[in-house]
């Protein structure tokens, strides 16, 4: 069993597209029916692949910290105009 942290990038049809952190260049596609926890785009989750199913936990603190960083960057960009 191995686990990694991912960001939920988007839903595309019947699949959720997760990007492996921190580089976010490697994708993991998981069918919506295999997702048993409520997740939304932008959430950071720890995904454990046991070879049969995926176990997911939303990392709320990491997600909130990432959102705060993005908001700060957006604020800085707006102030540069």
Protein backbone atom coordinates (compact mmCIF):
# COMPACT_ATOMS: atom_id res chain seq x y z
CA UNK A 1 0.00 0.00 0.00
CA UNK A 2 1.21 3.44 -0.83
CA UNK A 3 -0.25 6.89 -0.40
CA UNK A 4 0.35 10.30 -1.88
CA UNK A 5 -1.18 13.75 -1.63
CA UNK A 6 -3.14 15.06 -4.59
CA UNK A 7 -5.11 18.14 -5.55
CA UNK A 8 -8.50 17.56 -7.12
CA UNK A 9 -8.10 19.51 -10.33
CA UNK A 10 -11.47 18.89 -11.96
CA UNK A 11 -14.26 16.50 -12.80
CA UNK A 12 -14.30 15.37 -16.42
CA UNK A 13 -17.38 13.33 -17.23
CA UNK A 14 -17.45 10.30 -14.97
CA UNK A 15 -13.90 10.83 -13.70
CA UNK A 16 -12.16 12.98 -11.14
CA UNK A 17 -8.75 14.24 -12.22
CA UNK A 18 -6.25 14.45 -9.37
CA UNK A 19 -2.80 16.03 -9.69
CA UNK A 20 0.03 14.57 -7.60
CA UNK A 21 1.58 17.10 -5.25
CA UNK A 22 3.77 19.05 -5.06
CA UNK A 23 4.65 19.30 -8.78
CA UNK A 24 1.09 18.63 -9.96
CA UNK A 25 2.28 17.23 -13.29
CA UNK A 26 1.27 13.58 -12.79
CA UNK A 27 -2.44 12.79 -13.12
CA UNK A 28 -4.54 10.18 -11.37
CA UNK A 29 -8.00 9.45 -12.79
CA UNK A 30 -10.56 7.94 -10.44
CA UNK A 31 -14.11 7.07 -11.41
CA UNK A 32 -16.70 9.10 -9.51
CA UNK A 33 -18.30 5.90 -8.18
CA UNK A 34 -15.01 5.04 -6.43
CA UNK A 35 -14.98 8.30 -4.45
CA UNK A 36 -16.70 7.74 -1.12
CA UNK A 37 -15.88 11.04 0.61
CA UNK A 38 -17.26 14.42 -0.45
CA UNK A 39 -14.57 16.31 -2.39
CA UNK A 40 -14.63 19.46 -4.46
CA UNK A 41 -12.26 21.01 -6.94
CA UNK A 42 -9.22 22.46 -5.22
CA UNK A 43 -9.31 20.07 -2.25
CA UNK A 44 -6.03 18.49 -1.23
CA UNK A 45 -6.50 14.82 -0.42
CA UNK A 46 -4.36 11.92 0.71
CA UNK A 47 -5.08 8.92 -1.49
CA UNK A 48 -4.05 5.43 -0.49
CA UNK A 49 -4.05 2.80 -3.23
CA UNK A 50 -4.32 -0.67 -1.77
CA UNK A 51 -4.47 -2.29 -5.21
CA UNK A 52 -8.23 -2.81 -5.08
CA UNK A 53 -9.76 0.46 -3.93
CA UNK A 54 -8.72 4.01 -3.12
CA UNK A 55 -8.98 5.34 0.41
CA UNK A 56 -9.23 9.13 0.55
CA UNK A 57 -8.96 11.70 3.28
CA UNK A 58 -9.47 15.40 2.66
CA UNK A 59 -6.59 17.38 4.18
CA UNK A 60 -8.57 20.40 5.38
CA UNK A 61 -5.66 22.32 6.92
CA UNK A 62 -3.51 21.96 3.80
CA UNK A 63 -6.46 22.91 1.56
CA UNK A 64 -7.22 26.03 3.60
CA UNK A 65 -3.54 27.05 3.66
CA UNK A 66 -3.30 26.64 -0.12
CA UNK A 67 -6.45 28.73 -0.65
CA UNK A 68 -5.04 31.47 1.61
CA UNK A 69 -1.77 31.51 -0.39
CA UNK A 70 -3.70 31.80 -3.65
CA UNK A 71 -5.87 34.61 -2.29
CA UNK A 72 -2.74 36.48 -1.15
CA UNK A 73 -1.14 36.09 -4.58
CA UNK A 74 -4.32 37.30 -6.28
CA UNK A 75 -4.41 40.32 -3.97
CA UNK A 76 -0.80 41.17 -4.83
CA UNK A 77 -1.54 40.88 -8.54
CA UNK A 78 -4.56 43.19 -8.27
CA UNK A 79 -2.53 45.79 -6.37
CA UNK A 80 0.15 45.90 -9.10
CA UNK A 81 -2.26 47.35 -11.67
